[in-house]
Amino acid sequence: MMKMLGKMKEIQSKMKETQEGLAKVTISAESGAGLVKATVNGKKQVVSLDIDPSLLKQEELTILKDLLIAAINKALEEMDVKAKEEMKKNTAGLLPNIPGLDLSNLF
C-alpha cells in the first residue's frame, strides 16, 4: 500500500511538472489559407493573433470574425493533442496499463 501511495505522489508530481511546462508551449494554427493565424499556450490562452491587412475592410468583417474563431479553435484543439502527448510522455511507466483508465482530463 505504501508503495502505491509513493507512486501516486510521483504521478502527481509529474503531472504538475507537465502542467507547468505546458504553459511555455505554444501552438499556432491558421484559417483562410493563412489570412488569420492564432497562437495559444498550454493554458489555453491566446497569446498572439495575426490578421492579414486585406481583411480589415468593413465589408470583410463577417469573414474576419469567422476566420478568427476558426483559427483560435484549431489552435486550442491542437494544444489539447499536444498536452495529452506531453502528459503521456511524462507519466509513462508510472502507472500500469489499465484499460479504460484515462487521466488526460486531470490537467
N, C-alpha and C. Protein backbone atom coordinates (compact mmCIF):
# COMPACT_ATOMS: atom_id res chain seq x y z
N MET A 1 0.83 -1.19 0.00
CA MET A 1 0.00 0.00 0.00
C MET A 1 0.87 1.26 0.00
N MET A 2 1.93 1.26 0.79
CA MET A 2 2.83 2.42 0.85
C MET A 2 3.51 2.65 -0.49
N LYS A 3 3.83 1.54 -1.16
CA LYS A 3 4.46 1.66 -2.48
C LYS A 3 3.50 2.33 -3.47
N MET A 4 2.21 1.97 -3.38
CA MET A 4 1.21 2.55 -4.26
C MET A 4 1.05 4.04 -3.98
N LEU A 5 1.06 4.42 -2.70
CA LEU A 5 0.95 5.84 -2.34
C LEU A 5 2.15 6.62 -2.85
N GLY A 6 3.32 6.01 -2.77
CA GLY A 6 4.52 6.65 -3.29
C GLY A 6 4.42 6.88 -4.78
N LYS A 7 3.86 5.89 -5.50
CA LYS A 7 3.67 6.02 -6.95
C LYS A 7 2.69 7.15 -7.26
N MET A 8 1.62 7.24 -6.47
CA MET A 8 0.63 8.29 -6.70
C MET A 8 1.25 9.67 -6.50
N LYS A 9 2.09 9.81 -5.49
CA LYS A 9 2.75 11.10 -5.26
C LYS A 9 3.68 11.42 -6.43
N GLU A 10 4.35 10.40 -6.94
CA GLU A 10 5.24 10.60 -8.08
C GLU A 10 4.44 11.02 -9.32
N ILE A 11 3.29 10.38 -9.51
CA ILE A 11 2.42 10.73 -10.64
C ILE A 11 1.93 12.16 -10.50
N GLN A 12 1.49 12.54 -9.30
CA GLN A 12 1.03 13.91 -9.07
C GLN A 12 2.14 14.92 -9.36
N SER A 13 3.33 14.60 -8.94
CA SER A 13 4.47 15.48 -9.18
C SER A 13 4.75 15.63 -10.67
N LYS A 14 4.72 14.50 -11.39
CA LYS A 14 4.96 14.54 -12.84
C LYS A 14 3.87 15.31 -13.56
N MET A 15 2.62 15.13 -13.12
CA MET A 15 1.52 15.84 -13.76
C MET A 15 1.64 17.34 -13.52
N LYS A 16 2.00 17.73 -12.32
CA LYS A 16 2.17 19.16 -12.01
C LYS A 16 3.32 19.73 -12.84
N GLU A 17 4.40 18.99 -12.93
CA GLU A 17 5.55 19.42 -13.72
C GLU A 17 5.16 19.59 -15.19
N THR A 18 4.36 18.65 -15.70
CA THR A 18 3.91 18.73 -17.09
C THR A 18 3.02 19.94 -17.30
N GLN A 19 2.10 20.20 -16.38
CA GLN A 19 1.22 21.35 -16.50
C GLN A 19 2.01 22.64 -16.51
N GLU A 20 3.00 22.76 -15.66
CA GLU A 20 3.82 23.97 -15.62
C GLU A 20 4.61 24.12 -16.92
N GLY A 21 5.10 23.00 -17.44
CA GLY A 21 5.85 23.04 -18.70
C GLY A 21 4.98 23.42 -19.87
N LEU A 22 3.71 23.01 -19.85
CA LEU A 22 2.81 23.32 -20.95
C LEU A 22 2.54 24.82 -21.05
N ALA A 23 2.67 25.54 -19.98
CA ALA A 23 2.46 26.99 -20.03
C ALA A 23 3.47 27.64 -20.96
N LYS A 24 4.60 26.98 -21.17
CA LYS A 24 5.65 27.52 -22.04
C LYS A 24 5.53 27.04 -23.48
N VAL A 25 4.66 26.06 -23.72
CA VAL A 25 4.48 25.50 -25.06
C VAL A 25 3.45 26.33 -25.81
N THR A 26 3.71 26.61 -27.08
CA THR A 26 2.73 27.33 -27.90
C THR A 26 2.44 26.52 -29.16
N ILE A 27 1.23 26.68 -29.64
CA ILE A 27 0.78 26.06 -30.89
C ILE A 27 0.12 27.16 -31.71
N SER A 28 0.45 27.20 -33.00
CA SER A 28 -0.18 28.17 -33.91
C SER A 28 -1.01 27.42 -34.94
N ALA A 29 -2.10 28.04 -35.34
CA ALA A 29 -2.96 27.48 -36.38
C ALA A 29 -3.46 28.62 -37.25
N GLU A 30 -3.74 28.29 -38.50
CA GLU A 30 -4.19 29.29 -39.46
C GLU A 30 -5.58 28.95 -39.97
N SER A 31 -6.24 29.96 -40.49
CA SER A 31 -7.50 29.76 -41.20
C SER A 31 -7.50 30.70 -42.39
N GLY A 32 -8.38 30.42 -43.33
CA GLY A 32 -8.47 31.28 -44.52
C GLY A 32 -7.19 31.29 -45.32
N ALA A 33 -6.57 30.13 -45.47
CA ALA A 33 -5.32 29.99 -46.24
C ALA A 33 -4.24 30.94 -45.72
N GLY A 34 -4.18 31.08 -44.40
CA GLY A 34 -3.14 31.88 -43.79
C GLY A 34 -3.50 33.34 -43.56
N LEU A 35 -4.73 33.73 -43.85
CA LEU A 35 -5.12 35.12 -43.64
C LEU A 35 -5.22 35.47 -42.16
N VAL A 36 -5.53 34.47 -41.32
CA VAL A 36 -5.60 34.67 -39.88
C VAL A 36 -4.80 33.56 -39.22
N LYS A 37 -3.96 33.96 -38.25
CA LYS A 37 -3.14 32.99 -37.53
C LYS A 37 -3.28 33.26 -36.03
N ALA A 38 -3.63 32.21 -35.28
CA ALA A 38 -3.78 32.33 -33.84
C ALA A 38 -2.74 31.44 -33.16
N THR A 39 -2.17 31.94 -32.06
CA THR A 39 -1.22 31.17 -31.27
C THR A 39 -1.75 31.09 -29.85
N VAL A 40 -1.79 29.86 -29.31
CA VAL A 40 -2.26 29.64 -27.94
C VAL A 40 -1.17 28.94 -27.15
N ASN A 41 -1.25 29.08 -25.82
CA ASN A 41 -0.30 28.37 -24.96
C ASN A 41 -0.99 27.19 -24.30
N GLY A 42 -0.24 26.44 -23.53
CA GLY A 42 -0.77 25.26 -22.88
C GLY A 42 -1.81 25.53 -21.82
N LYS A 43 -1.96 26.78 -21.45
CA LYS A 43 -3.02 27.16 -20.51
C LYS A 43 -4.29 27.55 -21.26
N LYS A 44 -4.28 27.30 -22.56
CA LYS A 44 -5.41 27.62 -23.45
C LYS A 44 -5.72 29.11 -23.46
N GLN A 45 -4.66 29.89 -23.53
CA GLN A 45 -4.79 31.34 -23.64
C GLN A 45 -4.25 31.77 -25.00
N VAL A 46 -4.96 32.66 -25.67
CA VAL A 46 -4.47 33.20 -26.93
C VAL A 46 -3.34 34.17 -26.61
N VAL A 47 -2.17 33.92 -27.18
CA VAL A 47 -1.01 34.77 -26.89
C VAL A 47 -0.61 35.62 -28.10
N SER A 48 -1.14 35.28 -29.28
CA SER A 48 -0.81 36.06 -30.46
C SER A 48 -1.91 35.88 -31.50
N LEU A 49 -2.17 36.93 -32.25
CA LEU A 49 -3.17 36.89 -33.30
C LEU A 49 -2.68 37.75 -34.45
N ASP A 50 -2.50 37.14 -35.61
CA ASP A 50 -2.04 37.85 -36.80
C ASP A 50 -3.17 37.88 -37.82
N ILE A 51 -3.44 39.07 -38.36
CA ILE A 51 -4.53 39.26 -39.31
C ILE A 51 -3.98 39.92 -40.56
N ASP A 52 -4.25 39.31 -41.70
CA ASP A 52 -3.83 39.90 -42.97
C ASP A 52 -4.57 41.23 -43.15
N PRO A 53 -3.85 42.29 -43.52
CA PRO A 53 -4.47 43.61 -43.67
C PRO A 53 -5.64 43.66 -44.65
N SER A 54 -5.68 42.74 -45.61
CA SER A 54 -6.79 42.76 -46.58
C SER A 54 -8.13 42.47 -45.93
N LEU A 55 -8.13 41.87 -44.75
CA LEU A 55 -9.37 41.55 -44.07
C LEU A 55 -9.90 42.70 -43.21
N LEU A 56 -9.19 43.78 -43.15
CA LEU A 56 -9.59 44.87 -42.27
C LEU A 56 -10.53 45.88 -42.93
N LYS A 57 -11.07 45.51 -44.07
CA LYS A 57 -12.05 46.35 -44.74
C LYS A 57 -13.42 46.09 -44.12
N GLN A 58 -14.25 47.10 -44.06
CA GLN A 58 -15.57 47.00 -43.43
C GLN A 58 -16.38 45.83 -43.98
N GLU A 59 -16.35 45.65 -45.30
CA GLU A 59 -17.16 44.59 -45.91
C GLU A 59 -16.62 43.19 -45.63
N GLU A 60 -15.43 43.07 -45.07
CA GLU A 60 -14.82 41.78 -44.76
C GLU A 60 -14.93 41.41 -43.28
N LEU A 61 -15.60 42.22 -42.46
CA LEU A 61 -15.65 41.97 -41.02
C LEU A 61 -16.31 40.64 -40.65
N THR A 62 -17.35 40.25 -41.34
CA THR A 62 -18.01 38.97 -41.04
C THR A 62 -17.06 37.82 -41.33
N ILE A 63 -16.39 37.89 -42.45
CA ILE A 63 -15.40 36.85 -42.79
C ILE A 63 -14.29 36.84 -41.76
N LEU A 64 -13.82 38.00 -41.36
CA LEU A 64 -12.76 38.11 -40.37
C LEU A 64 -13.16 37.43 -39.07
N LYS A 65 -14.36 37.69 -38.59
CA LYS A 65 -14.82 37.08 -37.35
C LYS A 65 -14.83 35.56 -37.47
N ASP A 66 -15.33 35.04 -38.57
CA ASP A 66 -15.38 33.59 -38.78
C ASP A 66 -13.97 32.99 -38.82
N LEU A 67 -13.05 33.67 -39.49
CA LEU A 67 -11.68 33.17 -39.59
C LEU A 67 -10.97 33.21 -38.25
N LEU A 68 -11.23 34.26 -37.46
CA LEU A 68 -10.64 34.34 -36.12
C LEU A 68 -11.10 33.17 -35.25
N ILE A 69 -12.39 32.93 -35.26
CA ILE A 69 -12.93 31.83 -34.47
C ILE A 69 -12.33 30.51 -34.93
N ALA A 70 -12.25 30.30 -36.23
CA ALA A 70 -11.71 29.05 -36.76
C ALA A 70 -10.25 28.86 -36.38
N ALA A 71 -9.45 29.91 -36.50
CA ALA A 71 -8.02 29.80 -36.17
C ALA A 71 -7.80 29.54 -34.69
N ILE A 72 -8.54 30.23 -33.85
CA ILE A 72 -8.39 30.05 -32.40
C ILE A 72 -8.84 28.64 -31.99
N ASN A 73 -9.98 28.20 -32.49
CA ASN A 73 -10.45 26.86 -32.15
C ASN A 73 -9.50 25.78 -32.63
N LYS A 74 -8.93 25.94 -33.80
CA LYS A 74 -7.98 24.96 -34.32
C LYS A 74 -6.72 24.92 -33.45
N ALA A 75 -6.23 26.09 -33.06
CA ALA A 75 -5.04 26.13 -32.20
C ALA A 75 -5.32 25.49 -30.85
N LEU A 76 -6.50 25.72 -30.29
CA LEU A 76 -6.85 25.12 -29.00
C LEU A 76 -6.98 23.60 -29.12
N GLU A 77 -7.55 23.11 -30.21
CA GLU A 77 -7.65 21.66 -30.43
C GLU A 77 -6.26 21.04 -30.53
N GLU A 78 -5.37 21.70 -31.26
CA GLU A 78 -4.01 21.18 -31.41
C GLU A 78 -3.27 21.22 -30.07
N MET A 79 -3.56 22.21 -29.24
CA MET A 79 -2.94 22.27 -27.92
C MET A 79 -3.43 21.12 -27.05
N ASP A 80 -4.70 20.76 -27.15
CA ASP A 80 -5.21 19.61 -26.40
C ASP A 80 -4.44 18.35 -26.76
N VAL A 81 -4.20 18.14 -28.05
CA VAL A 81 -3.45 16.97 -28.50
C VAL A 81 -2.03 17.01 -27.95
N LYS A 82 -1.39 18.18 -28.03
CA LYS A 82 -0.02 18.34 -27.53
C LYS A 82 0.04 18.09 -26.02
N ALA A 83 -0.93 18.62 -25.29
CA ALA A 83 -0.95 18.45 -23.83
C ALA A 83 -1.08 16.98 -23.46
N LYS A 84 -1.94 16.25 -24.16
CA LYS A 84 -2.10 14.82 -23.89
C LYS A 84 -0.81 14.06 -24.20
N GLU A 85 -0.15 14.43 -25.29
CA GLU A 85 1.13 13.79 -25.63
C GLU A 85 2.17 14.03 -24.54
N GLU A 86 2.25 15.27 -24.05
CA GLU A 86 3.21 15.61 -23.01
C GLU A 86 2.90 14.87 -21.71
N MET A 87 1.62 14.79 -21.36
CA MET A 87 1.23 14.10 -20.13
C MET A 87 1.57 12.62 -20.24
N LYS A 88 1.28 12.03 -21.38
CA LYS A 88 1.56 10.60 -21.59
C LYS A 88 3.07 10.35 -21.52
N LYS A 89 3.84 11.25 -22.14
CA LYS A 89 5.30 11.09 -22.15
C LYS A 89 5.87 11.22 -20.74
N ASN A 90 5.38 12.18 -19.98
CA ASN A 90 5.94 12.44 -18.66
C ASN A 90 5.46 11.48 -17.58
N THR A 91 4.38 10.76 -17.83
CA THR A 91 3.90 9.81 -16.84
C THR A 91 4.08 8.36 -17.30
N ALA A 92 4.78 8.16 -18.41
CA ALA A 92 4.99 6.81 -18.94
C ALA A 92 5.71 5.94 -17.90
N GLY A 93 5.20 4.74 -17.72
CA GLY A 93 5.81 3.80 -16.80
C GLY A 93 5.44 3.97 -15.35
N LEU A 94 4.72 5.04 -15.02
CA LEU A 94 4.35 5.28 -13.63
C LEU A 94 3.09 4.52 -13.23
N LEU A 95 2.23 4.27 -14.20
CA LEU A 95 1.00 3.53 -13.92
C LEU A 95 0.96 2.29 -14.80
N PRO A 96 0.39 1.22 -14.30
CA PRO A 96 0.21 0.06 -15.17
C PRO A 96 -0.83 0.40 -16.24
N ASN A 97 -0.78 -0.31 -17.33
CA ASN A 97 -1.73 -0.09 -18.41
C ASN A 97 -3.07 -0.70 -18.02
N ILE A 98 -3.97 0.14 -17.53
CA ILE A 98 -5.28 -0.31 -17.08
C ILE A 98 -6.30 0.12 -18.14
N PRO A 99 -6.94 -0.85 -18.81
CA PRO A 99 -7.92 -0.49 -19.84
C PRO A 99 -9.00 0.41 -19.26
N GLY A 100 -9.30 1.46 -20.00
CA GLY A 100 -10.36 2.38 -19.58
C GLY A 100 -9.89 3.49 -18.65
N LEU A 101 -8.64 3.42 -18.14
CA LEU A 101 -8.15 4.47 -17.26
C LEU A 101 -7.58 5.60 -18.10
N ASP A 102 -8.24 6.74 -18.06
CA ASP A 102 -7.84 7.91 -18.83
C ASP A 102 -7.61 9.07 -17.88
N LEU A 103 -6.36 9.48 -17.75
CA LEU A 103 -6.01 10.58 -16.84
C LEU A 103 -5.90 11.91 -17.57
N SER A 104 -6.21 11.92 -18.87
CA SER A 104 -6.00 13.14 -19.66
C SER A 104 -6.88 14.30 -19.22
N ASN A 105 -7.98 14.01 -18.53
CA ASN A 105 -8.85 15.11 -18.10
C ASN A 105 -8.43 15.69 -16.76
N LEU A 106 -7.30 15.26 -16.23
CA LEU A 106 -6.85 15.78 -14.94
C LEU A 106 -6.00 17.04 -15.05
N PHE A 107 -5.74 17.51 -16.26
CA PHE A 107 -4.94 18.73 -16.41
C PHE A 107 -5.67 19.77 -17.15
